[in-house]
Amino acid sequence: MRKPMEKPGPDRKKKPFMRRKVCRFCTDKKLDIDYKNPKILRYFITERGKIIPRRISGNCAKHQRQVTVALKRARNIAILPFTTAVR
């Protein structure tokens, strides 16, 4: 036997409210995206060395592009690693 379809009602679960992430570079104009500053760039790579996407980091498109270029430059001159050396 089939169960009757449930009607959407007040007891139906709602999605929790997620606060919209704000670009930290837009809010704080003093912060500068620079490939020579690994302290800031470390927030935008995972422990495996991947670049964190915009939807997770909360950056705007303009600053995410700048962060990506800075990360790639820092990797090329060996300020940041490409990957972790775990085997």
PDB file of N, CA and C in Angstrom:
ATOM      1  N   MET A   1       0.834  -1.191   0.000  1.00  0.00           N
ATOM      2  CA  MET A   1       0.000   0.000   0.000  1.00  0.00           C
ATOM      3  C   MET A   1       0.872   1.245   0.000  1.00  0.00           C
ATOM      4  N   ARG A   2       0.401   2.235  -0.673  1.00  0.00           N
ATOM      5  CA  ARG A   2       1.105   3.511  -0.727  1.00  0.00           C
ATOM      6  C   ARG A   2       0.617   4.423   0.387  1.00  0.00           C
ATOM      7  N   LYS A   3       1.553   5.217   0.863  1.00  0.00           N
ATOM      8  CA  LYS A   3       1.176   6.216   1.867  1.00  0.00           C
ATOM      9  C   LYS A   3       0.640   7.439   1.143  1.00  0.00           C
ATOM     10  N   PRO A   4      -0.333   8.088   1.694  1.00  0.00           N
ATOM     11  CA  PRO A   4      -0.815   9.325   1.056  1.00  0.00           C
ATOM     12  C   PRO A   4       0.261  10.405   1.132  1.00  0.00           C
ATOM     13  N   MET A   5       0.275  11.260   0.114  1.00  0.00           N
ATOM     14  CA  MET A   5       1.277  12.318   0.080  1.00  0.00           C
ATOM     15  C   MET A   5       1.048  13.291   1.232  1.00  0.00           C
ATOM     16  N   GLU A   6       2.175  13.686   1.822  1.00  0.00           N
ATOM     17  CA  GLU A   6       2.076  14.625   2.930  1.00  0.00           C
ATOM     18  C   GLU A   6       1.806  16.021   2.388  1.00  0.00           C
ATOM     19  N   LYS A   7       0.953  16.711   3.077  1.00  0.00           N
ATOM     20  CA  LYS A   7       0.657  18.087   2.687  1.00  0.00           C
ATOM     21  C   LYS A   7       1.668  19.015   3.353  1.00  0.00           C
ATOM     22  N   PRO A   8       2.141  20.019   2.600  1.00  0.00           N
ATOM     23  CA  PRO A   8       3.054  20.970   3.234  1.00  0.00           C
ATOM     24  C   PRO A   8       2.309  21.786   4.277  1.00  0.00           C
ATOM     25  N   GLY A   9       2.799  21.742   5.466  1.00  0.00           N
ATOM     26  CA  GLY A   9       2.122  22.449   6.548  1.00  0.00           C
ATOM     27  C   GLY A   9       3.108  23.125   7.467  1.00  0.00           C
ATOM     28  N   PRO A  10       2.635  23.566   8.609  1.00  0.00           N
ATOM     29  CA  PRO A  10       3.502  24.291   9.534  1.00  0.00           C
ATOM     30  C   PRO A  10       4.561  23.395  10.175  1.00  0.00           C
ATOM     31  N   ASP A  11       4.363  22.081  10.173  1.00  0.00           N
ATOM     32  CA  ASP A  11       5.339  21.198  10.793  1.00  0.00           C
ATOM     33  C   ASP A  11       6.464  20.798   9.841  1.00  0.00           C
ATOM     34  N   ARG A  12       6.410  21.276   8.615  1.00  0.00           N
ATOM     35  CA  ARG A  12       7.441  20.972   7.630  1.00  0.00           C
ATOM     36  C   ARG A  12       8.734  21.696   7.999  1.00  0.00           C
ATOM     37  N   LYS A  13       9.875  21.016   7.842  1.00  0.00           N
ATOM     38  CA  LYS A  13      11.159  21.607   8.223  1.00  0.00           C
ATOM     39  C   LYS A  13      11.539  22.725   7.272  1.00  0.00           C
ATOM     40  N   LYS A  14      12.069  23.801   7.826  1.00  0.00           N
ATOM     41  CA  LYS A  14      12.543  24.929   7.036  1.00  0.00           C
ATOM     42  C   LYS A  14      14.057  24.911   7.006  1.00  0.00           C
ATOM     43  N   LYS A  15      14.618  25.511   5.969  1.00  0.00           N
ATOM     44  CA  LYS A  15      16.063  25.628   5.904  1.00  0.00           C
ATOM     45  C   LYS A  15      16.512  26.644   6.942  1.00  0.00           C
ATOM     46  N   PRO A  16      17.635  26.380   7.618  1.00  0.00           N
ATOM     47  CA  PRO A  16      18.121  27.368   8.581  1.00  0.00           C
ATOM     48  C   PRO A  16      18.619  28.612   7.857  1.00  0.00           C
ATOM     49  N   PHE A  17      18.459  29.756   8.479  1.00  0.00           N
ATOM     50  CA  PHE A  17      18.886  31.023   7.876  1.00  0.00           C
ATOM     51  C   PHE A  17      20.405  31.093   7.892  1.00  0.00           C
ATOM     52  N   MET A  18      20.985  31.269   6.730  1.00  0.00           N
ATOM     53  CA  MET A  18      22.430  31.390   6.621  1.00  0.00           C
ATOM     54  C   MET A  18      22.782  32.854   6.353  1.00  0.00           C
ATOM     55  N   ARG A  19      23.656  33.385   7.175  1.00  0.00           N
ATOM     56  CA  ARG A  19      24.076  34.767   6.996  1.00  0.00           C
ATOM     57  C   ARG A  19      24.920  34.882   5.730  1.00  0.00           C
ATOM     58  N   ARG A  20      24.653  35.897   4.931  1.00  0.00           N
ATOM     59  CA  ARG A  20      25.396  36.104   3.695  1.00  0.00           C
ATOM     60  C   ARG A  20      26.826  36.512   4.038  1.00  0.00           C
ATOM     61  N   LYS A  21      27.779  35.862   3.401  1.00  0.00           N
ATOM     62  CA  LYS A  21      29.175  36.172   3.653  1.00  0.00           C
ATOM     63  C   LYS A  21      29.544  37.463   2.938  1.00  0.00           C
ATOM     64  N   VAL A  22      30.362  38.248   3.582  1.00  0.00           N
ATOM     65  CA  VAL A  22      30.751  39.547   3.043  1.00  0.00           C
ATOM     66  C   VAL A  22      32.228  39.498   2.696  1.00  0.00           C
ATOM     67  N   CYS A  23      32.574  40.097   1.598  1.00  0.00           N
ATOM     68  CA  CYS A  23      33.962  40.141   1.160  1.00  0.00           C
ATOM     69  C   CYS A  23      34.788  40.950   2.159  1.00  0.00           C
ATOM     70  N   ARG A  24      35.820  40.330   2.705  1.00  0.00           N
ATOM     71  CA  ARG A  24      36.627  41.024   3.712  1.00  0.00           C
ATOM     72  C   ARG A  24      37.465  42.139   3.115  1.00  0.00           C
ATOM     73  N   PHE A  25      37.751  42.040   1.831  1.00  0.00           N
ATOM     74  CA  PHE A  25      38.550  43.081   1.183  1.00  0.00           C
ATOM     75  C   PHE A  25      37.710  44.301   0.834  1.00  0.00           C
ATOM     76  N   CYS A  26      36.409  44.109   0.606  1.00  0.00           N
ATOM     77  CA  CYS A  26      35.521  45.245   0.352  1.00  0.00           C
ATOM     78  C   CYS A  26      35.214  46.000   1.642  1.00  0.00           C
ATOM     79  N   THR A  27      35.079  45.268   2.753  1.00  0.00           N
ATOM     80  CA  THR A  27      34.737  45.918   4.009  1.00  0.00           C
ATOM     81  C   THR A  27      35.935  46.628   4.627  1.00  0.00           C
ATOM     82  N   ASP A  28      37.106  46.027   4.530  1.00  0.00           N
ATOM     83  CA  ASP A  28      38.313  46.619   5.106  1.00  0.00           C
ATOM     84  C   ASP A  28      39.237  47.062   3.978  1.00  0.00           C
ATOM     85  N   LYS A  29      39.219  48.333   3.670  1.00  0.00           N
ATOM     86  CA  LYS A  29      40.001  48.865   2.550  1.00  0.00           C
ATOM     87  C   LYS A  29      41.511  48.830   2.809  1.00  0.00           C
ATOM     88  N   LYS A  30      41.915  48.672   4.071  1.00  0.00           N
ATOM     89  CA  LYS A  30      43.339  48.640   4.390  1.00  0.00           C
ATOM     90  C   LYS A  30      43.980  47.306   4.005  1.00  0.00           C
ATOM     91  N   LEU A  31      43.171  46.242   3.963  1.00  0.00           N
ATOM     92  CA  LEU A  31      43.707  44.937   3.581  1.00  0.00           C
ATOM     93  C   LEU A  31      44.105  44.969   2.112  1.00  0.00           C
ATOM     94  N   ASP A  32      45.278  44.469   1.837  1.00  0.00           N
ATOM     95  CA  ASP A  32      45.780  44.484   0.474  1.00  0.00           C
ATOM     96  C   ASP A  32      46.093  43.054   0.053  1.00  0.00           C
ATOM     97  N   ILE A  33      45.685  42.691  -1.140  1.00  0.00           N
ATOM     98  CA  ILE A  33      45.974  41.359  -1.669  1.00  0.00           C
ATOM     99  C   ILE A  33      47.345  41.425  -2.320  1.00  0.00           C
ATOM    100  N   ASP A  34      48.300  40.733  -1.707  1.00  0.00           N
ATOM    101  CA  ASP A  34      49.669  40.778  -2.203  1.00  0.00           C
ATOM    102  C   ASP A  34      50.251  39.373  -2.160  1.00  0.00           C
ATOM    103  N   TYR A  35      50.917  38.970  -3.211  1.00  0.00           N
ATOM    104  CA  TYR A  35      51.467  37.615  -3.268  1.00  0.00           C
ATOM    105  C   TYR A  35      52.606  37.418  -2.280  1.00  0.00           C
ATOM    106  N   LYS A  36      53.170  38.517  -1.761  1.00  0.00           N
ATOM    107  CA  LYS A  36      54.270  38.425  -0.807  1.00  0.00           C
ATOM    108  C   LYS A  36      53.798  38.297   0.636  1.00  0.00           C
ATOM    109  N   ASN A  37      52.484  38.270   0.854  1.00  0.00           N
ATOM    110  CA  ASN A  37      51.938  38.189   2.208  1.00  0.00           C
ATOM    111  C   ASN A  37      51.242  36.839   2.417  1.00  0.00           C
ATOM    112  N   PRO A  38      51.974  35.822   2.866  1.00  0.00           N
ATOM    113  CA  PRO A  38      51.368  34.501   3.010  1.00  0.00           C
ATOM    114  C   PRO A  38      50.372  34.394   4.156  1.00  0.00           C
ATOM    115  N   LYS A  39      50.429  35.309   5.119  1.00  0.00           N
ATOM    116  CA  LYS A  39      49.475  35.255   6.244  1.00  0.00           C
ATOM    117  C   LYS A  39      48.041  35.419   5.760  1.00  0.00           C
ATOM    118  N   ILE A  40      47.816  36.351   4.865  1.00  0.00           N
ATOM    119  CA  ILE A  40      46.468  36.574   4.348  1.00  0.00           C
ATOM    120  C   ILE A  40      46.084  35.472   3.362  1.00  0.00           C
ATOM    121  N   LEU A  41      47.020  35.062   2.537  1.00  0.00           N
ATOM    122  CA  LEU A  41      46.714  34.077   1.497  1.00  0.00           C
ATOM    123  C   LEU A  41      46.435  32.688   2.061  1.00  0.00           C
ATOM    124  N   ARG A  42      46.936  32.370   3.243  1.00  0.00           N
ATOM    125  CA  ARG A  42      46.707  31.050   3.843  1.00  0.00           C
ATOM    126  C   ARG A  42      45.229  30.792   4.118  1.00  0.00           C
ATOM    127  N   TYR A  43      44.437  31.848   4.322  1.00  0.00           N
ATOM    128  CA  TYR A  43      43.013  31.678   4.579  1.00  0.00           C
ATOM    129  C   TYR A  43      42.260  31.186   3.348  1.00  0.00           C
ATOM    130  N   PHE A  44      42.868  31.310   2.195  1.00  0.00           N
ATOM    131  CA  PHE A  44      42.171  31.010   0.954  1.00  0.00           C
ATOM    132  C   PHE A  44      42.644  29.737   0.278  1.00  0.00           C
ATOM    133  N   ILE A  45      43.431  28.916   0.991  1.00  0.00           N
ATOM    134  CA  ILE A  45      43.786  27.599   0.476  1.00  0.00           C
ATOM    135  C   ILE A  45      43.460  26.562   1.536  1.00  0.00           C
ATOM    136  N   THR A  46      43.109  25.367   1.078  1.00  0.00           N
ATOM    137  CA  THR A  46      42.804  24.279   2.002  1.00  0.00           C
ATOM    138  C   THR A  46      44.106  23.669   2.500  1.00  0.00           C
ATOM    139  N   GLU A  47      43.987  22.738   3.429  1.00  0.00           N
ATOM    140  CA  GLU A  47      45.187  22.082   3.936  1.00  0.00           C
ATOM    141  C   GLU A  47      45.834  21.199   2.876  1.00  0.00           C
ATOM    142  N   ARG A  48      45.072  20.828   1.858  1.00  0.00           N
ATOM    143  CA  ARG A  48      45.621  20.047   0.749  1.00  0.00           C
ATOM    144  C   ARG A  48      46.236  20.931  -0.327  1.00  0.00           C
ATOM    145  N   GLY A  49      46.049  22.248  -0.233  1.00  0.00           N
ATOM    146  CA  GLY A  49      46.660  23.168  -1.191  1.00  0.00           C
ATOM    147  C   GLY A  49      45.727  23.682  -2.263  1.00  0.00           C
ATOM    148  N   LYS A  50      44.437  23.348  -2.174  1.00  0.00           N
ATOM    149  CA  LYS A  50      43.486  23.808  -3.184  1.00  0.00           C
ATOM    150  C   LYS A  50      42.987  25.210  -2.846  1.00  0.00           C
ATOM    151  N   ILE A  51      42.631  25.965  -3.871  1.00  0.00           N
ATOM    152  CA  ILE A  51      42.099  27.311  -3.673  1.00  0.00           C
ATOM    153  C   ILE A  51      40.633  27.199  -3.261  1.00  0.00           C
ATOM    154  N   ILE A  52      40.262  27.895  -2.197  1.00  0.00           N
ATOM    155  CA  ILE A  52      38.890  27.847  -1.698  1.00  0.00           C
ATOM    156  C   ILE A  52      37.996  28.654  -2.639  1.00  0.00           C
ATOM    157  N   PRO A  53      36.852  28.096  -3.063  1.00  0.00           N
ATOM    158  CA  PRO A  53      35.985  28.814  -4.000  1.00  0.00           C
ATOM    159  C   PRO A  53      35.309  30.020  -3.375  1.00  0.00           C
ATOM    160  N   ARG A  54      34.820  30.857  -4.224  1.00  0.00           N
ATOM    161  CA  ARG A  54      34.217  32.127  -3.831  1.00  0.00           C
ATOM    162  C   ARG A  54      32.983  31.943  -2.961  1.00  0.00           C
ATOM    163  N   ARG A  55      32.169  30.936  -3.270  1.00  0.00           N
ATOM    164  CA  ARG A  55      30.938  30.732  -2.510  1.00  0.00           C
ATOM    165  C   ARG A  55      31.220  30.322  -1.069  1.00  0.00           C
ATOM    166  N   ILE A  56      32.400  29.773  -0.814  1.00  0.00           N
ATOM    167  CA  ILE A  56      32.763  29.380   0.547  1.00  0.00           C
ATOM    168  C   ILE A  56      33.536  30.486   1.246  1.00  0.00           C
ATOM    169  N   SER A  57      34.465  31.115   0.539  1.00  0.00           N
ATOM    170  CA  SER A  57      35.285  32.156   1.169  1.00  0.00           C
ATOM    171  C   SER A  57      34.510  33.443   1.408  1.00  0.00           C
ATOM    172  N   GLY A  58      33.505  33.716   0.563  1.00  0.00           N
ATOM    173  CA  GLY A  58      32.706  34.924   0.737  1.00  0.00           C
ATOM    174  C   GLY A  58      33.246  36.128  -0.004  1.00  0.00           C
ATOM    175  N   ASN A  59      34.297  35.943  -0.789  1.00  0.00           N
ATOM    176  CA  ASN A  59      34.852  37.066  -1.544  1.00  0.00           C
ATOM    177  C   ASN A  59      33.934  37.464  -2.692  1.00  0.00           C
ATOM    178  N   CYS A  60      34.038  38.722  -3.091  1.00  0.00           N
ATOM    179  CA  CYS A  60      33.341  39.137  -4.307  1.00  0.00           C
ATOM    180  C   CYS A  60      34.161  38.647  -5.501  1.00  0.00           C
ATOM    181  N   ALA A  61      33.593  38.705  -6.690  1.00  0.00           N
ATOM    182  CA  ALA A  61      34.247  38.156  -7.876  1.00  0.00           C
ATOM    183  C   ALA A  61      35.567  38.874  -8.170  1.00  0.00           C
ATOM    184  N   LYS A  62      35.568  40.181  -8.023  1.00  0.00           N
ATOM    185  CA  LYS A  62      36.770  40.967  -8.309  1.00  0.00           C
ATOM    186  C   LYS A  62      37.925  40.546  -7.405  1.00  0.00           C
ATOM    187  N   HIS A  63      37.656  40.459  -6.106  1.00  0.00           N
ATOM    188  CA  HIS A  63      38.718  40.124  -5.168  1.00  0.00           C
ATOM    189  C   HIS A  63      39.087  38.643  -5.225  1.00  0.00           C
ATOM    190  N   GLN A  64      38.151  37.776  -5.584  1.00  0.00           N
ATOM    191  CA  GLN A  64      38.493  36.362  -5.726  1.00  0.00           C
ATOM    192  C   GLN A  64      39.476  36.165  -6.880  1.00  0.00           C
ATOM    193  N   ARG A  65      39.293  36.904  -7.966  1.00  0.00           N
ATOM    194  CA  ARG A  65      40.243  36.828  -9.070  1.00  0.00           C
ATOM    195  C   ARG A  65      41.629  37.299  -8.636  1.00  0.00           C
ATOM    196  N   GLN A  66      41.677  38.383  -7.853  1.00  0.00           N
ATOM    197  CA  GLN A  66      42.959  38.900  -7.381  1.00  0.00           C
ATOM    198  C   GLN A  66      43.632  37.916  -6.426  1.00  0.00           C
ATOM    199  N   VAL A  67      42.843  37.275  -5.565  1.00  0.00           N
ATOM    200  CA  VAL A  67      43.382  36.286  -4.635  1.00  0.00           C
ATOM    201  C   VAL A  67      43.953  35.099  -5.405  1.00  0.00           C
ATOM    202  N   THR A  68      43.242  34.651  -6.432  1.00  0.00           N
ATOM    203  CA  THR A  68      43.704  33.517  -7.224  1.00  0.00           C
ATOM    204  C   THR A  68      45.024  33.814  -7.908  1.00  0.00           C
ATOM    205  N   VAL A  69      45.142  34.993  -8.494  1.00  0.00           N
ATOM    206  CA  VAL A  69      46.394  35.373  -9.154  1.00  0.00           C
ATOM    207  C   VAL A  69      47.523  35.470  -8.131  1.00  0.00           C
ATOM    208  N   ALA A  70      47.245  36.050  -6.968  1.00  0.00           N
ATOM    209  CA  ALA A  70      48.268  36.188  -5.924  1.00  0.00           C
ATOM    210  C   ALA A  70      48.713  34.817  -5.410  1.00  0.00           C
ATOM    211  N   LEU A  71      47.774  33.887  -5.246  1.00  0.00           N
ATOM    212  CA  LEU A  71      48.132  32.541  -4.797  1.00  0.00           C
ATOM    213  C   LEU A  71      49.018  31.833  -5.816  1.00  0.00           C
ATOM    214  N   LYS A  72      48.679  31.969  -7.083  1.00  0.00           N
ATOM    215  CA  LYS A  72      49.473  31.309  -8.114  1.00  0.00           C
ATOM    216  C   LYS A  72      50.876  31.902  -8.199  1.00  0.00           C
ATOM    217  N   ARG A  73      50.984  33.202  -8.027  1.00  0.00           N
ATOM    218  CA  ARG A  73      52.311  33.838  -8.038  1.00  0.00           C
ATOM    219  C   ARG A  73      53.129  33.401  -6.826  1.00  0.00           C
ATOM    220  N   ALA A  74      52.480  33.338  -5.656  1.00  0.00           N
ATOM    221  CA  ALA A  74      53.186  32.929  -4.439  1.00  0.00           C
ATOM    222  C   ALA A  74      53.648  31.481  -4.540  1.00  0.00           C
ATOM    223  N   ARG A  75      52.878  30.638  -5.205  1.00  0.00           N
ATOM    224  CA  ARG A  75      53.294  29.247  -5.403  1.00  0.00           C
ATOM    225  C   ARG A  75      54.496  29.162  -6.337  1.00  0.00           C
ATOM    226  N   ASN A  76      54.491  29.964  -7.376  1.00  0.00           N
ATOM    227  CA  ASN A  76      55.578  29.897  -8.350  1.00  0.00           C
ATOM    228  C   ASN A  76      56.913  30.338  -7.777  1.00  0.00           C
ATOM    229  N   ILE A  77      56.911  31.272  -6.848  1.00  0.00           N
ATOM    230  CA  ILE A  77      58.180  31.698  -6.260  1.00  0.00           C
ATOM    231  C   ILE A  77      58.407  31.057  -4.890  1.00  0.00           C
ATOM    232  N   ALA A  78      57.673  29.979  -4.599  1.00  0.00           N
ATOM    233  CA  ALA A  78      57.874  29.112  -3.429  1.00  0.00           C
ATOM    234  C   ALA A  78      57.609  29.794  -2.092  1.00  0.00           C
ATOM    235  N   ILE A  79      56.688  30.739  -2.057  1.00  0.00           N
ATOM    236  CA  ILE A  79      56.255  31.291  -0.771  1.00  0.00           C
ATOM    237  C   ILE A  79      55.183  30.376  -0.169  1.00  0.00           C
ATOM    238  N   LEU A  80      54.325  29.831  -1.028  1.00  0.00           N
ATOM    239  CA  LEU A  80      53.303  28.865  -0.612  1.00  0.00           C
ATOM    240  C   LEU A  80      53.524  27.548  -1.345  1.00  0.00           C
ATOM    241  N   PRO A  81      53.195  26.425  -0.695  1.00  0.00           N
ATOM    242  CA  PRO A  81      53.370  25.134  -1.375  1.00  0.00           C
ATOM    243  C   PRO A  81      52.240  24.858  -2.360  1.00  0.00           C
ATOM    244  N   PHE A  82      52.546  24.055  -3.378  1.00  0.00           N
ATOM    245  CA  PHE A  82      51.506  23.621  -4.311  1.00  0.00           C
ATOM    246  C   PHE A  82      50.592  22.601  -3.633  1.00  0.00           C
ATOM    247  N   THR A  83      51.191  21.650  -2.940  1.00  0.00           N
ATOM    248  CA  THR A  83      50.432  20.631  -2.202  1.00  0.00           C
ATOM    249  C   THR A  83      51.172  20.311  -0.911  1.00  0.00           C
ATOM    250  N   THR A  84      50.518  19.501  -0.082  1.00  0.00           N
ATOM    251  CA  THR A  84      51.179  19.040   1.137  1.00  0.00           C
ATOM    252  C   THR A  84      52.011  17.811   0.802  1.00  0.00           C
ATOM    253  N   ALA A  85      53.056  17.571   1.544  1.00  0.00           N
ATOM    254  CA  ALA A  85      53.940  16.444   1.281  1.00  0.00           C
ATOM    255  C   ALA A  85      53.585  15.277   2.202  1.00  0.00           C
ATOM    256  N   VAL A  86      52.333  14.810   2.130  1.00  0.00           N
ATOM    257  CA  VAL A  86      51.891  13.697   2.956  1.00  0.00           C
ATOM    258  C   VAL A  86      51.733  12.472   2.081  1.00  0.00           C
ATOM    259  N   ARG A  87      52.330  11.377   2.463  1.00  0.00           N
ATOM    260  CA  ARG A  87      52.217  10.124   1.686  1.00  0.00           C
ATOM    261  C   ARG A  87      51.818   9.002   2.577  1.00  0.00           C
TER     262      ARG A  87
END
